[in-house]
Amino acid sequence: MTLRVPKAELPAELRENMIKVLGAVPEPVEVLWNNPELAEANQEFSAKMGALDAADASLKTFAHMAVAAQVGCSWCLDINYFHALNQNLDLAKASQVPRWRQAEVFTPLERDVLEYAEAMTNTPPTVTDELSKRLLDRLGPAALVELTVFIGFANLATRCNTAHGITSQGYSDACEIPLAGRAETSGVASTA
């Protein structure tokens, strides 16, 4: 797949900072920079979301990966494998998120979070009262609200990246985790 929107030229300082932090400029930033005001608002919201800590970072990362796998955003899977490495998450577990229903490595809470991420991503959403209650009981209201907004933001990012033709950029190469595709029985196309 090729980019459907051209990359815009970033300010030199921003470009250099991204290369310093990530080793490369993320293509979604370059594409969004066609509208600098929107790109800056996206970066600010993303940074604020990343700074919240009511919900466990690993749950949020795995949830984003579940959304990415379902939508088919290989870029989001790629960068989240990289985040998993930098957050010292269980990389073997992270590699199984796209096929979490078949994998036996996840806790009951992680399974509920992954199910919740997929249920929110379905069109129309398929979140049930029972699943919400289980998460509310385990996480509390602040963490559940944070997780829900985080998953909503992950849907925004994955769908925009996919619509723009943005694909894996090789961030996961640093952690040697292969980009796993979803199980064929899921009814969702593989992202591998």
N, C-alpha and C. Protein backbone atom coordinates (compact mmCIF):
# COMPACT_ATOMS: atom_id res chain seq x y z
N MET A 1 0.84 -1.17 0.00
CA MET A 1 0.00 0.00 0.00
C MET A 1 0.89 1.23 0.00
N THR A 2 0.48 2.23 -0.72
CA THR A 2 1.22 3.49 -0.74
C THR A 2 0.41 4.57 -0.04
N LEU A 3 1.13 5.59 0.40
CA LEU A 3 0.47 6.70 1.07
C LEU A 3 -0.54 7.34 0.14
N ARG A 4 -1.71 7.63 0.66
CA ARG A 4 -2.77 8.26 -0.12
C ARG A 4 -2.74 9.78 0.01
N VAL A 5 -2.00 10.26 1.00
CA VAL A 5 -1.82 11.69 1.23
C VAL A 5 -0.32 11.90 1.32
N PRO A 6 0.22 12.90 0.63
CA PRO A 6 1.68 13.08 0.67
C PRO A 6 2.15 13.53 2.05
N LYS A 7 3.41 13.24 2.32
CA LYS A 7 4.04 13.71 3.55
C LYS A 7 4.30 15.20 3.42
N ALA A 8 4.10 15.91 4.52
CA ALA A 8 4.40 17.34 4.55
C ALA A 8 5.76 17.56 5.21
N GLU A 9 6.37 18.68 4.92
CA GLU A 9 7.65 19.02 5.52
C GLU A 9 7.42 19.51 6.94
N LEU A 10 8.09 18.88 7.90
CA LEU A 10 7.97 19.26 9.31
C LEU A 10 8.99 20.34 9.63
N PRO A 11 8.71 21.15 10.64
CA PRO A 11 9.74 22.09 11.12
C PRO A 11 10.98 21.30 11.54
N ALA A 12 12.15 21.84 11.26
CA ALA A 12 13.41 21.14 11.51
C ALA A 12 13.54 20.68 12.96
N GLU A 13 13.17 21.52 13.91
CA GLU A 13 13.31 21.16 15.32
C GLU A 13 12.43 19.96 15.68
N LEU A 14 11.20 19.94 15.20
CA LEU A 14 10.29 18.82 15.45
C LEU A 14 10.84 17.55 14.82
N ARG A 15 11.29 17.66 13.57
CA ARG A 15 11.85 16.51 12.86
C ARG A 15 13.04 15.93 13.64
N GLU A 16 13.96 16.78 14.05
CA GLU A 16 15.15 16.34 14.77
C GLU A 16 14.78 15.69 16.11
N ASN A 17 13.81 16.26 16.81
CA ASN A 17 13.38 15.72 18.10
C ASN A 17 12.77 14.33 17.91
N MET A 18 11.96 14.16 16.89
CA MET A 18 11.34 12.84 16.66
C MET A 18 12.40 11.80 16.30
N ILE A 19 13.36 12.19 15.52
CA ILE A 19 14.44 11.26 15.17
C ILE A 19 15.24 10.90 16.41
N LYS A 20 15.48 11.88 17.27
CA LYS A 20 16.22 11.64 18.50
C LYS A 20 15.47 10.67 19.42
N VAL A 21 14.16 10.86 19.54
CA VAL A 21 13.36 10.05 20.45
C VAL A 21 13.00 8.69 19.86
N LEU A 22 12.62 8.65 18.59
CA LEU A 22 12.10 7.41 17.99
C LEU A 22 13.01 6.79 16.94
N GLY A 23 14.04 7.50 16.52
CA GLY A 23 14.93 6.97 15.50
C GLY A 23 14.47 7.28 14.09
N ALA A 24 13.24 7.74 13.93
CA ALA A 24 12.68 8.11 12.63
C ALA A 24 11.47 8.98 12.87
N VAL A 25 11.08 9.72 11.86
CA VAL A 25 9.88 10.54 11.96
C VAL A 25 8.68 9.64 11.64
N PRO A 26 7.71 9.55 12.53
CA PRO A 26 6.53 8.73 12.26
C PRO A 26 5.74 9.27 11.06
N GLU A 27 5.44 8.40 10.13
CA GLU A 27 4.69 8.81 8.94
C GLU A 27 3.34 9.45 9.27
N PRO A 28 2.61 8.98 10.29
CA PRO A 28 1.35 9.67 10.60
C PRO A 28 1.56 11.15 10.92
N VAL A 29 2.65 11.49 11.57
CA VAL A 29 2.93 12.89 11.89
C VAL A 29 3.19 13.66 10.60
N GLU A 30 3.98 13.07 9.70
CA GLU A 30 4.28 13.75 8.44
C GLU A 30 3.02 13.96 7.60
N VAL A 31 2.12 13.00 7.60
CA VAL A 31 0.89 13.13 6.84
C VAL A 31 -0.03 14.17 7.49
N LEU A 32 -0.20 14.07 8.82
CA LEU A 32 -1.07 15.02 9.51
C LEU A 32 -0.54 16.45 9.42
N TRP A 33 0.77 16.60 9.23
CA TRP A 33 1.36 17.94 9.20
C TRP A 33 0.89 18.73 7.97
N ASN A 34 0.17 18.11 7.06
CA ASN A 34 -0.47 18.87 5.98
C ASN A 34 -1.46 19.88 6.56
N ASN A 35 -1.89 19.62 7.79
CA ASN A 35 -2.73 20.56 8.54
C ASN A 35 -2.05 20.73 9.90
N PRO A 36 -1.08 21.65 9.99
CA PRO A 36 -0.28 21.78 11.21
C PRO A 36 -1.09 21.98 12.49
N GLU A 37 -2.18 22.75 12.42
CA GLU A 37 -2.98 22.98 13.61
C GLU A 37 -3.60 21.68 14.11
N LEU A 38 -4.10 20.87 13.18
CA LEU A 38 -4.67 19.58 13.54
C LEU A 38 -3.58 18.64 14.06
N ALA A 39 -2.42 18.63 13.41
CA ALA A 39 -1.31 17.77 13.83
C ALA A 39 -0.87 18.11 15.25
N GLU A 40 -0.77 19.40 15.55
CA GLU A 40 -0.36 19.81 16.90
C GLU A 40 -1.42 19.43 17.93
N ALA A 41 -2.70 19.60 17.60
CA ALA A 41 -3.77 19.21 18.53
C ALA A 41 -3.73 17.71 18.78
N ASN A 42 -3.47 16.93 17.73
CA ASN A 42 -3.37 15.47 17.86
C ASN A 42 -2.20 15.10 18.77
N GLN A 43 -1.06 15.74 18.58
CA GLN A 43 0.11 15.46 19.41
C GLN A 43 -0.14 15.84 20.87
N GLU A 44 -0.80 16.97 21.10
CA GLU A 44 -1.09 17.40 22.46
C GLU A 44 -2.04 16.41 23.15
N PHE A 45 -3.09 16.01 22.45
CA PHE A 45 -4.03 15.07 23.06
C PHE A 45 -3.37 13.73 23.31
N SER A 46 -2.57 13.27 22.35
CA SER A 46 -1.85 12.01 22.51
C SER A 46 -0.92 12.07 23.72
N ALA A 47 -0.22 13.17 23.88
CA ALA A 47 0.70 13.32 25.03
C ALA A 47 -0.07 13.33 26.34
N LYS A 48 -1.21 14.01 26.36
CA LYS A 48 -2.02 14.04 27.58
C LYS A 48 -2.57 12.66 27.90
N MET A 49 -3.01 11.94 26.89
CA MET A 49 -3.51 10.57 27.10
C MET A 49 -2.39 9.69 27.65
N GLY A 50 -1.20 9.83 27.10
CA GLY A 50 -0.06 9.03 27.54
C GLY A 50 0.36 9.33 28.97
N ALA A 51 0.07 10.53 29.46
CA ALA A 51 0.48 10.91 30.81
C ALA A 51 -0.51 10.44 31.87
N LEU A 52 -1.72 10.06 31.47
CA LEU A 52 -2.71 9.60 32.44
C LEU A 52 -2.30 8.25 33.00
N ASP A 53 -2.62 8.01 34.27
CA ASP A 53 -2.16 6.76 34.87
C ASP A 53 -3.19 6.05 35.74
N ALA A 54 -4.46 6.36 35.56
CA ALA A 54 -5.48 5.64 36.32
C ALA A 54 -5.59 4.19 35.84
N ALA A 55 -5.41 4.00 34.54
CA ALA A 55 -5.42 2.65 33.96
C ALA A 55 -3.98 2.22 33.70
N ASP A 56 -3.70 0.97 33.94
CA ASP A 56 -2.36 0.42 33.75
C ASP A 56 -1.89 0.59 32.30
N ALA A 57 -0.65 1.03 32.14
CA ALA A 57 -0.09 1.27 30.81
C ALA A 57 -0.10 0.01 29.94
N SER A 58 0.16 -1.14 30.54
CA SER A 58 0.16 -2.37 29.74
C SER A 58 -1.23 -2.68 29.21
N LEU A 59 -2.26 -2.44 30.02
CA LEU A 59 -3.62 -2.68 29.55
C LEU A 59 -3.95 -1.75 28.38
N LYS A 60 -3.53 -0.50 28.48
CA LYS A 60 -3.79 0.45 27.39
C LYS A 60 -3.02 0.07 26.12
N THR A 61 -1.78 -0.33 26.28
CA THR A 61 -0.99 -0.73 25.11
C THR A 61 -1.60 -1.95 24.44
N PHE A 62 -1.95 -2.97 25.24
CA PHE A 62 -2.57 -4.16 24.66
C PHE A 62 -3.91 -3.83 24.01
N ALA A 63 -4.69 -2.93 24.62
CA ALA A 63 -5.97 -2.53 24.04
C ALA A 63 -5.76 -1.85 22.69
N HIS A 64 -4.77 -0.95 22.61
CA HIS A 64 -4.49 -0.28 21.34
C HIS A 64 -4.09 -1.30 20.28
N MET A 65 -3.29 -2.27 20.68
CA MET A 65 -2.87 -3.32 19.74
C MET A 65 -4.07 -4.14 19.26
N ALA A 66 -5.02 -4.40 20.15
CA ALA A 66 -6.21 -5.16 19.76
C ALA A 66 -7.04 -4.37 18.75
N VAL A 67 -7.16 -3.07 18.97
CA VAL A 67 -7.86 -2.21 18.02
C VAL A 67 -7.13 -2.23 16.67
N ALA A 68 -5.82 -2.06 16.72
CA ALA A 68 -5.02 -2.03 15.49
C ALA A 68 -5.15 -3.33 14.70
N ALA A 69 -5.11 -4.45 15.41
CA ALA A 69 -5.24 -5.75 14.75
C ALA A 69 -6.61 -5.88 14.09
N GLN A 70 -7.64 -5.43 14.79
CA GLN A 70 -9.00 -5.55 14.26
C GLN A 70 -9.22 -4.64 13.05
N VAL A 71 -8.72 -3.41 13.13
CA VAL A 71 -8.90 -2.45 12.04
C VAL A 71 -7.97 -2.77 10.88
N GLY A 72 -6.81 -3.34 11.19
CA GLY A 72 -5.83 -3.65 10.15
C GLY A 72 -4.76 -2.60 10.01
N CYS A 73 -4.43 -1.92 11.11
CA CYS A 73 -3.40 -0.87 11.08
C CYS A 73 -2.05 -1.46 11.49
N SER A 74 -1.26 -1.85 10.50
CA SER A 74 0.04 -2.43 10.81
C SER A 74 0.98 -1.39 11.43
N TRP A 75 0.79 -0.11 11.12
CA TRP A 75 1.63 0.92 11.73
C TRP A 75 1.41 0.96 13.24
N CYS A 76 0.16 0.91 13.67
CA CYS A 76 -0.13 0.96 15.11
C CYS A 76 0.38 -0.29 15.83
N LEU A 77 0.26 -1.45 15.19
CA LEU A 77 0.84 -2.65 15.80
C LEU A 77 2.35 -2.48 15.93
N ASP A 78 2.96 -2.02 14.88
CA ASP A 78 4.41 -1.82 14.84
C ASP A 78 4.88 -0.90 15.97
N ILE A 79 4.28 0.28 16.09
CA ILE A 79 4.72 1.24 17.11
C ILE A 79 4.38 0.75 18.51
N ASN A 80 3.29 0.02 18.65
CA ASN A 80 2.94 -0.48 19.99
C ASN A 80 3.82 -1.64 20.43
N TYR A 81 4.35 -2.43 19.50
CA TYR A 81 5.36 -3.42 19.89
C TYR A 81 6.58 -2.68 20.42
N PHE A 82 6.95 -1.59 19.77
CA PHE A 82 8.07 -0.75 20.18
C PHE A 82 7.79 -0.16 21.57
N HIS A 83 6.57 0.34 21.79
CA HIS A 83 6.20 0.86 23.12
C HIS A 83 6.25 -0.25 24.17
N ALA A 84 5.79 -1.44 23.80
CA ALA A 84 5.83 -2.57 24.74
C ALA A 84 7.27 -2.82 25.19
N LEU A 85 8.20 -2.77 24.27
CA LEU A 85 9.61 -2.94 24.62
C LEU A 85 10.06 -1.85 25.59
N ASN A 86 9.72 -0.61 25.28
CA ASN A 86 10.16 0.52 26.11
C ASN A 86 9.43 0.62 27.44
N GLN A 87 8.26 -0.02 27.55
CA GLN A 87 7.53 -0.06 28.82
C GLN A 87 7.87 -1.31 29.62
N ASN A 88 8.81 -2.09 29.10
CA ASN A 88 9.22 -3.35 29.73
C ASN A 88 8.06 -4.31 29.93
N LEU A 89 7.16 -4.35 28.94
CA LEU A 89 6.05 -5.29 28.99
C LEU A 89 6.55 -6.66 28.55
N ASP A 90 5.75 -7.66 28.81
CA ASP A 90 6.05 -9.02 28.38
C ASP A 90 5.91 -9.06 26.85
N LEU A 91 7.05 -9.12 26.16
CA LEU A 91 7.04 -9.06 24.70
C LEU A 91 6.42 -10.30 24.07
N ALA A 92 6.58 -11.45 24.71
CA ALA A 92 5.93 -12.66 24.20
C ALA A 92 4.41 -12.50 24.25
N LYS A 93 3.95 -11.88 25.33
CA LYS A 93 2.51 -11.63 25.47
C LYS A 93 2.06 -10.60 24.43
N ALA A 94 2.84 -9.53 24.28
CA ALA A 94 2.49 -8.49 23.30
C ALA A 94 2.37 -9.08 21.90
N SER A 95 3.25 -10.02 21.58
CA SER A 95 3.21 -10.61 20.23
C SER A 95 1.94 -11.42 19.99
N GLN A 96 1.25 -11.80 21.06
CA GLN A 96 0.05 -12.63 20.93
C GLN A 96 -1.25 -11.82 20.91
N VAL A 97 -1.19 -10.51 21.08
CA VAL A 97 -2.41 -9.72 21.13
C VAL A 97 -3.29 -9.92 19.89
N PRO A 98 -2.75 -9.93 18.68
CA PRO A 98 -3.63 -10.11 17.52
C PRO A 98 -4.38 -11.45 17.51
N ARG A 99 -3.91 -12.40 18.27
CA ARG A 99 -4.59 -13.70 18.35
C ARG A 99 -4.88 -14.06 19.80
N TRP A 100 -5.29 -13.07 20.56
CA TRP A 100 -5.45 -13.22 22.01
C TRP A 100 -6.47 -14.28 22.39
N ARG A 101 -7.48 -14.49 21.60
CA ARG A 101 -8.51 -15.49 21.96
C ARG A 101 -7.93 -16.91 21.96
N GLN A 102 -6.94 -17.16 21.11
CA GLN A 102 -6.33 -18.49 21.04
C GLN A 102 -5.13 -18.62 21.97
N ALA A 103 -4.53 -17.52 22.35
CA ALA A 103 -3.33 -17.54 23.20
C ALA A 103 -3.72 -17.78 24.66
N GLU A 104 -2.87 -18.47 25.36
CA GLU A 104 -3.15 -18.80 26.77
C GLU A 104 -2.30 -17.99 27.74
N VAL A 105 -1.74 -16.89 27.29
CA VAL A 105 -0.81 -16.12 28.11
C VAL A 105 -1.45 -14.96 28.87
N PHE A 106 -2.71 -14.66 28.59
CA PHE A 106 -3.34 -13.47 29.17
C PHE A 106 -4.13 -13.78 30.43
N THR A 107 -4.10 -12.85 31.36
CA THR A 107 -4.88 -12.96 32.59
C THR A 107 -6.36 -12.71 32.26
N PRO A 108 -7.26 -13.07 33.18
CA PRO A 108 -8.68 -12.77 32.94
C PRO A 108 -8.94 -11.26 32.74
N LEU A 109 -8.26 -10.40 33.49
CA LEU A 109 -8.43 -8.97 33.31
C LEU A 109 -7.95 -8.53 31.92
N GLU A 110 -6.78 -9.00 31.51
CA GLU A 110 -6.27 -8.65 30.18
C GLU A 110 -7.23 -9.13 29.10
N ARG A 111 -7.79 -10.31 29.25
CA ARG A 111 -8.75 -10.83 28.27
C ARG A 111 -9.99 -9.93 28.20
N ASP A 112 -10.47 -9.48 29.36
CA ASP A 112 -11.62 -8.58 29.37
C ASP A 112 -11.29 -7.25 28.68
N VAL A 113 -10.10 -6.73 28.91
CA VAL A 113 -9.69 -5.48 28.27
C VAL A 113 -9.60 -5.67 26.76
N LEU A 114 -9.02 -6.77 26.31
CA LEU A 114 -8.92 -7.03 24.88
C LEU A 114 -10.30 -7.22 24.25
N GLU A 115 -11.18 -7.90 24.96
CA GLU A 115 -12.55 -8.07 24.47
C GLU A 115 -13.26 -6.71 24.40
N TYR A 116 -13.05 -5.88 25.41
CA TYR A 116 -13.65 -4.55 25.46
C TYR A 116 -13.15 -3.70 24.28
N ALA A 117 -11.84 -3.75 24.01
CA ALA A 117 -11.27 -2.99 22.89
C ALA A 117 -11.92 -3.43 21.57
N GLU A 118 -12.06 -4.73 21.39
CA GLU A 118 -12.69 -5.21 20.16
C GLU A 118 -14.17 -4.84 20.11
N ALA A 119 -14.85 -4.95 21.23
CA ALA A 119 -16.28 -4.62 21.27
C ALA A 119 -16.51 -3.14 20.97
N MET A 120 -15.62 -2.28 21.47
CA MET A 120 -15.73 -0.85 21.15
C MET A 120 -15.44 -0.57 19.69
N THR A 121 -14.59 -1.39 19.08
CA THR A 121 -14.15 -1.17 17.70
C THR A 121 -15.18 -1.68 16.70
N ASN A 122 -15.98 -2.66 17.10
CA ASN A 122 -17.01 -3.17 16.20
C ASN A 122 -17.95 -2.04 15.77
N THR A 123 -18.51 -2.20 14.58
CA THR A 123 -19.50 -1.25 14.08
C THR A 123 -20.79 -2.00 13.81
N PRO A 124 -21.83 -1.74 14.60
CA PRO A 124 -21.87 -0.86 15.77
C PRO A 124 -21.15 -1.51 16.94
N PRO A 125 -20.79 -0.71 17.95
CA PRO A 125 -20.12 -1.28 19.12
C PRO A 125 -20.97 -2.38 19.77
N THR A 126 -20.29 -3.36 20.33
CA THR A 126 -20.97 -4.51 20.94
C THR A 126 -20.64 -4.68 22.42
N VAL A 127 -20.31 -3.59 23.09
CA VAL A 127 -19.99 -3.63 24.51
C VAL A 127 -21.25 -4.05 25.28
N THR A 128 -21.07 -5.00 26.18
CA THR A 128 -22.21 -5.48 26.98
C THR A 128 -22.15 -4.90 28.39
N ASP A 129 -23.31 -4.91 29.04
CA ASP A 129 -23.38 -4.47 30.44
C ASP A 129 -22.50 -5.37 31.32
N GLU A 130 -22.50 -6.67 31.04
CA GLU A 130 -21.73 -7.61 31.85
C GLU A 130 -20.23 -7.34 31.76
N LEU A 131 -19.74 -7.12 30.54
CA LEU A 131 -18.31 -6.83 30.37
C LEU A 131 -17.96 -5.51 31.04
N SER A 132 -18.78 -4.50 30.86
CA SER A 132 -18.52 -3.21 31.51
C SER A 132 -18.49 -3.35 33.02
N LYS A 133 -19.41 -4.11 33.57
CA LYS A 133 -19.45 -4.30 35.02
C LYS A 133 -18.20 -5.01 35.53
N ARG A 134 -17.77 -6.05 34.81
CA ARG A 134 -16.55 -6.76 35.23
C ARG A 134 -15.36 -5.80 35.26
N LEU A 135 -15.25 -4.98 34.23
CA LEU A 135 -14.13 -4.03 34.17
C LEU A 135 -14.28 -2.94 35.25
N LEU A 136 -15.48 -2.45 35.45
CA LEU A 136 -15.71 -1.45 36.48
C LEU A 136 -15.35 -1.99 37.86
N ASP A 137 -15.77 -3.22 38.13
CA ASP A 137 -15.46 -3.85 39.42
C ASP A 137 -13.96 -4.01 39.63
N ARG A 138 -13.23 -4.35 38.60
CA ARG A 138 -11.78 -4.59 38.73
C ARG A 138 -10.95 -3.32 38.66
N LEU A 139 -11.37 -2.38 37.80
CA LEU A 139 -10.55 -1.20 37.54
C LEU A 139 -10.99 0.04 38.31
N GLY A 140 -12.27 0.16 38.59
CA GLY A 140 -12.81 1.38 39.18
C GLY A 140 -13.22 2.35 38.08
N PRO A 141 -14.04 3.35 38.45
CA PRO A 141 -14.57 4.25 37.42
C PRO A 141 -13.52 5.08 36.70
N ALA A 142 -12.55 5.63 37.42
CA ALA A 142 -11.55 6.49 36.77
C ALA A 142 -10.75 5.73 35.73
N ALA A 143 -10.32 4.53 36.07
CA ALA A 143 -9.52 3.73 35.13
C ALA A 143 -10.37 3.26 33.95
N LEU A 144 -11.63 2.89 34.19
CA LEU A 144 -12.48 2.45 33.09
C LEU A 144 -12.77 3.60 32.12
N VAL A 145 -13.02 4.77 32.64
CA VAL A 145 -13.24 5.93 31.77
C VAL A 145 -11.98 6.22 30.96
N GLU A 146 -10.83 6.19 31.62
CA GLU A 146 -9.56 6.43 30.92
C GLU A 146 -9.33 5.38 29.84
N LEU A 147 -9.54 4.12 30.17
CA LEU A 147 -9.36 3.04 29.20
C LEU A 147 -10.31 3.22 28.01
N THR A 148 -11.55 3.59 28.29
CA THR A 148 -12.53 3.78 27.23
C THR A 148 -12.12 4.90 26.28
N VAL A 149 -11.70 6.03 26.83
CA VAL A 149 -11.27 7.15 25.97
C VAL A 149 -10.00 6.77 25.21
N PHE A 150 -9.10 6.05 25.87
CA PHE A 150 -7.88 5.60 25.21
C PHE A 150 -8.22 4.70 24.01
N ILE A 151 -9.14 3.79 24.18
CA ILE A 151 -9.56 2.90 23.09
C ILE A 151 -10.24 3.71 21.99
N GLY A 152 -11.04 4.69 22.37
CA GLY A 152 -11.65 5.57 21.36
C GLY A 152 -10.60 6.30 20.56
N PHE A 153 -9.55 6.81 21.25
CA PHE A 153 -8.46 7.49 20.55
C PHE A 153 -7.69 6.51 19.66
N ALA A 154 -7.52 5.28 20.13
CA ALA A 154 -6.84 4.26 19.31
C ALA A 154 -7.64 4.01 18.03
N ASN A 155 -8.96 4.00 18.14
CA ASN A 155 -9.80 3.85 16.94
C ASN A 155 -9.60 5.00 15.98
N LEU A 156 -9.53 6.23 16.50
CA LEU A 156 -9.27 7.39 15.66
C LEU A 156 -7.94 7.22 14.92
N ALA A 157 -6.89 6.90 15.66
CA ALA A 157 -5.56 6.78 15.07
C ALA A 157 -5.49 5.65 14.05
N THR A 158 -6.00 4.47 14.41
CA THR A 158 -5.89 3.33 13.49
C THR A 158 -6.69 3.56 12.22
N ARG A 159 -7.86 4.13 12.36
CA ARG A 159 -8.70 4.35 11.18
C ARG A 159 -8.12 5.44 10.28
N CYS A 160 -7.58 6.50 10.88
CA CYS A 160 -6.93 7.55 10.07
C CYS A 160 -5.70 7.00 9.35
N ASN A 161 -4.86 6.26 10.09
CA ASN A 161 -3.66 5.70 9.46
C ASN A 161 -4.02 4.78 8.30
N THR A 162 -5.00 3.93 8.51
CA THR A 162 -5.41 2.99 7.47
C THR A 162 -5.98 3.74 6.27
N ALA A 163 -6.82 4.73 6.52
CA ALA A 163 -7.41 5.51 5.42
C ALA A 163 -6.33 6.27 4.64
N HIS A 164 -5.28 6.72 5.33
CA HIS A 164 -4.19 7.44 4.66
C HIS A 164 -3.19 6.51 3.98
N GLY A 165 -3.35 5.21 4.15
CA GLY A 165 -2.43 4.26 3.52
C GLY A 165 -1.13 4.09 4.27
N ILE A 166 -1.10 4.45 5.53
CA ILE A 166 0.12 4.34 6.34
C ILE A 166 0.25 2.90 6.85
N THR A 167 1.41 2.31 6.65
CA THR A 167 1.66 0.94 7.08
C THR A 167 2.89 0.88 7.98
N SER A 168 3.21 -0.32 8.42
CA SER A 168 4.33 -0.55 9.32
C SER A 168 5.58 0.19 8.86
N GLN A 169 6.26 0.79 9.82
CA GLN A 169 7.45 1.59 9.53
C GLN A 169 8.72 0.96 10.07
N GLY A 170 8.61 -0.23 10.67
CA GLY A 170 9.79 -0.94 11.14
C GLY A 170 10.21 -0.67 12.56
N TYR A 171 9.37 -0.01 13.35
CA TYR A 171 9.73 0.25 14.74
C TYR A 171 9.91 -1.05 15.52
N SER A 172 9.11 -2.05 15.21
CA SER A 172 9.17 -3.30 15.96
C SER A 172 10.46 -4.08 15.69
N ASP A 173 11.20 -3.69 14.66
CA ASP A 173 12.47 -4.37 14.38
C ASP A 173 13.42 -4.28 15.57
N ALA A 174 13.31 -3.21 16.35
CA ALA A 174 14.18 -3.01 17.52
C ALA A 174 13.94 -4.05 18.60
N CYS A 175 12.74 -4.62 18.64
CA CYS A 175 12.43 -5.58 19.70
C CYS A 175 12.27 -7.00 19.18
N GLU A 176 12.51 -7.18 17.91
CA GLU A 176 12.51 -8.51 17.30
C GLU A 176 11.21 -9.29 17.55
N ILE A 177 10.09 -8.59 17.52
CA ILE A 177 8.79 -9.24 17.61
C ILE A 177 8.19 -9.23 16.22
N PRO A 178 7.85 -10.40 15.69
CA PRO A 178 7.23 -10.39 14.36
C PRO A 178 5.83 -9.80 14.44
N LEU A 179 5.45 -9.05 13.42
CA LEU A 179 4.09 -8.51 13.38
C LEU A 179 3.14 -9.67 13.14
N ALA A 180 2.41 -10.03 14.17
CA ALA A 180 1.51 -11.18 14.11
C ALA A 180 0.19 -10.80 13.46
N GLY A 181 -0.33 -11.71 12.67
CA GLY A 181 -1.65 -11.51 12.08
C GLY A 181 -2.71 -12.12 12.97
N ARG A 182 -3.93 -11.70 12.77
CA ARG A 182 -5.05 -12.26 13.53
C ARG A 182 -5.30 -13.68 13.07
N ALA A 183 -5.88 -14.45 13.95
CA ALA A 183 -6.26 -15.83 13.62
C ALA A 183 -7.30 -15.78 12.51
N GLU A 184 -7.23 -16.70 11.59
CA GLU A 184 -8.13 -16.72 10.45
C GLU A 184 -9.59 -16.87 10.83
N THR A 185 -9.87 -17.48 11.97
CA THR A 185 -11.25 -17.72 12.37
C THR A 185 -11.92 -16.48 12.95
N SER A 186 -11.19 -15.37 13.08
CA SER A 186 -11.74 -14.18 13.73
C SER A 186 -12.72 -13.42 12.85
N GLY A 187 -12.67 -13.65 11.54
CA GLY A 187 -13.54 -12.92 10.65
C GLY A 187 -12.99 -11.57 10.26
N VAL A 188 -11.77 -11.23 10.70
CA VAL A 188 -11.13 -9.98 10.37
C VAL A 188 -9.87 -10.29 9.60
N ALA A 189 -9.58 -9.54 8.58
CA ALA A 189 -8.41 -9.80 7.75
C ALA A 189 -7.11 -9.70 8.54
N SER A 190 -6.15 -10.49 8.14
CA SER A 190 -4.83 -10.49 8.79
C SER A 190 -4.11 -9.18 8.49
N THR A 191 -3.27 -8.74 9.43
CA THR A 191 -2.48 -7.53 9.23
C THR A 191 -1.04 -7.87 8.90
N ALA A 192 -0.71 -9.13 8.80
CA ALA A 192 0.68 -9.50 8.53
C ALA A 192 1.04 -9.25 7.10
